[in-house]
Amino acid sequence: SQRIELPGVPKTASGNTGAGSIELGIRPEYVRLGRDGMAVKVSKVEDVGRHKVVRASLEGREIAAVIGEDDTVPADPKVSFDPAGINIYADSWRVEMGA
């Protein structure tokens, strides 16, 4: 139910954007945790040295964000995604992003 800005238009092998299953994949280092964006529920914060891994739930989907070791988790945490780190998968296959 959220709107996420993509770095382009995903293209399936058939040349259109219609596919049986579409998934968004993003690495934790491209997830921005702060006071703006989509509300999440934090379940765990793992201190792994120079950074922390924040485990959270976004509308029932498990996500992870990497933050600096001195960064704090806001009381009302929200996430946004860096479009450069977004990958789209159609039927489990990564698809290219057009302009």
Protein backbone atom coordinates (compact mmCIF):
# COMPACT_ATOMS: atom_id res chain seq x y z
CA SER A 1 0.00 0.00 0.00
CA GLN A 2 3.07 2.26 -0.17
CA ARG A 3 4.45 4.27 -3.06
CA ILE A 4 8.18 3.76 -3.66
CA GLU A 5 10.20 5.79 -6.14
CA LEU A 6 12.10 3.53 -8.55
CA PRO A 7 15.28 4.42 -10.45
CA GLY A 8 13.55 3.55 -13.76
CA VAL A 9 10.82 1.44 -15.32
CA PRO A 10 11.24 -2.32 -14.84
CA LYS A 11 11.25 -4.29 -18.10
CA THR A 12 10.30 -7.96 -18.24
CA ALA A 13 11.75 -10.35 -20.82
CA SER A 14 8.65 -9.88 -22.98
CA GLY A 15 9.25 -6.12 -23.08
CA ASN A 16 6.37 -5.07 -20.86
CA THR A 17 5.96 -4.44 -17.15
CA GLY A 18 3.34 -7.15 -16.56
CA ALA A 19 4.59 -10.30 -14.83
CA GLY A 20 3.18 -13.02 -12.61
CA SER A 21 5.14 -12.08 -9.50
CA ILE A 22 6.91 -8.76 -8.87
CA GLU A 23 9.25 -8.31 -5.91
CA LEU A 24 11.32 -5.36 -4.71
CA GLY A 25 14.76 -6.12 -3.34
CA ILE A 26 16.98 -3.67 -1.52
CA ARG A 27 20.16 -4.21 0.47
CA PRO A 28 20.13 -2.98 4.09
CA GLU A 29 22.73 -0.29 3.41
CA TYR A 30 20.22 1.42 1.06
CA VAL A 31 17.45 1.51 3.68
CA ARG A 32 17.32 4.90 5.43
CA LEU A 33 16.01 4.88 9.01
CA GLY A 34 14.78 8.18 10.41
CA ARG A 35 11.74 10.33 11.09
CA ASP A 36 10.50 10.54 7.49
CA GLY A 37 9.06 7.85 5.26
CA MET A 38 7.04 4.71 5.91
CA ALA A 39 6.31 3.66 9.49
CA VAL A 40 8.02 0.47 10.70
CA LYS A 41 7.99 -1.60 13.86
CA VAL A 42 11.51 -2.33 15.14
CA SER A 43 11.97 -5.84 16.52
CA LYS A 44 15.72 -5.94 17.17
CA VAL A 45 18.87 -3.82 17.04
CA GLU A 46 22.11 -5.75 16.56
CA ASP A 47 25.37 -3.98 17.45
CA VAL A 48 27.99 -5.40 15.08
CA GLY A 49 30.93 -3.08 15.66
CA ARG A 50 31.13 -0.02 13.44
CA HIS A 51 27.44 -0.16 12.66
CA LYS A 52 24.12 -1.51 13.86
CA VAL A 53 21.66 -3.69 11.99
CA VAL A 54 18.08 -2.69 12.73
CA ARG A 55 15.51 -5.46 12.12
CA ALA A 56 12.01 -4.16 11.50
CA SER A 57 8.65 -4.94 9.96
CA LEU A 58 7.05 -2.86 7.20
CA GLU A 59 3.43 -3.86 6.62
CA GLY A 60 4.21 -7.45 7.60
CA ARG A 61 7.42 -7.68 5.56
CA GLU A 62 10.72 -8.13 7.38
CA ILE A 63 13.37 -5.57 6.46
CA ALA A 64 16.80 -4.59 7.76
CA ALA A 65 18.59 -1.25 7.85
CA VAL A 66 22.23 -0.49 8.58
CA ILE A 67 22.93 2.59 10.70
CA GLY A 68 26.11 4.01 12.20
CA GLU A 69 27.36 2.80 15.56
CA ASP A 70 26.57 6.20 17.16
CA ASP A 71 23.18 6.64 15.45
CA THR A 72 20.01 6.20 17.48
CA VAL A 73 16.72 4.61 16.51
CA PRO A 74 13.91 7.21 16.61
CA ALA A 75 11.00 6.61 18.99
CA ASP A 76 8.66 6.63 15.95
CA PRO A 77 10.93 5.02 13.32
CA LYS A 78 10.29 5.35 9.62
CA VAL A 79 12.17 4.11 6.57
CA SER A 80 12.81 5.30 3.07
CA PHE A 81 14.79 3.64 0.29
CA ASP A 82 17.64 5.03 -1.79
CA PRO A 83 16.39 4.41 -5.38
CA ALA A 84 19.94 3.58 -6.52
CA GLY A 85 19.87 0.45 -4.37
CA ILE A 86 16.50 -0.92 -5.51
CA ASN A 87 16.29 -4.07 -7.62
CA ILE A 88 13.09 -5.42 -9.15
CA TYR A 89 12.49 -9.13 -9.69
CA ALA A 90 9.81 -10.60 -11.97
CA ASP A 91 9.06 -14.27 -11.31
CA SER A 92 12.31 -14.47 -9.25
CA TRP A 93 14.46 -13.06 -12.09
CA ARG A 94 16.12 -9.63 -11.79
CA VAL A 95 14.87 -7.28 -14.47
CA GLU A 96 16.66 -4.31 -15.99
CA MET A 97 15.46 -0.83 -15.22
CA GLY A 98 14.79 1.42 -18.19
CA ALA A 99 14.86 5.21 -18.15
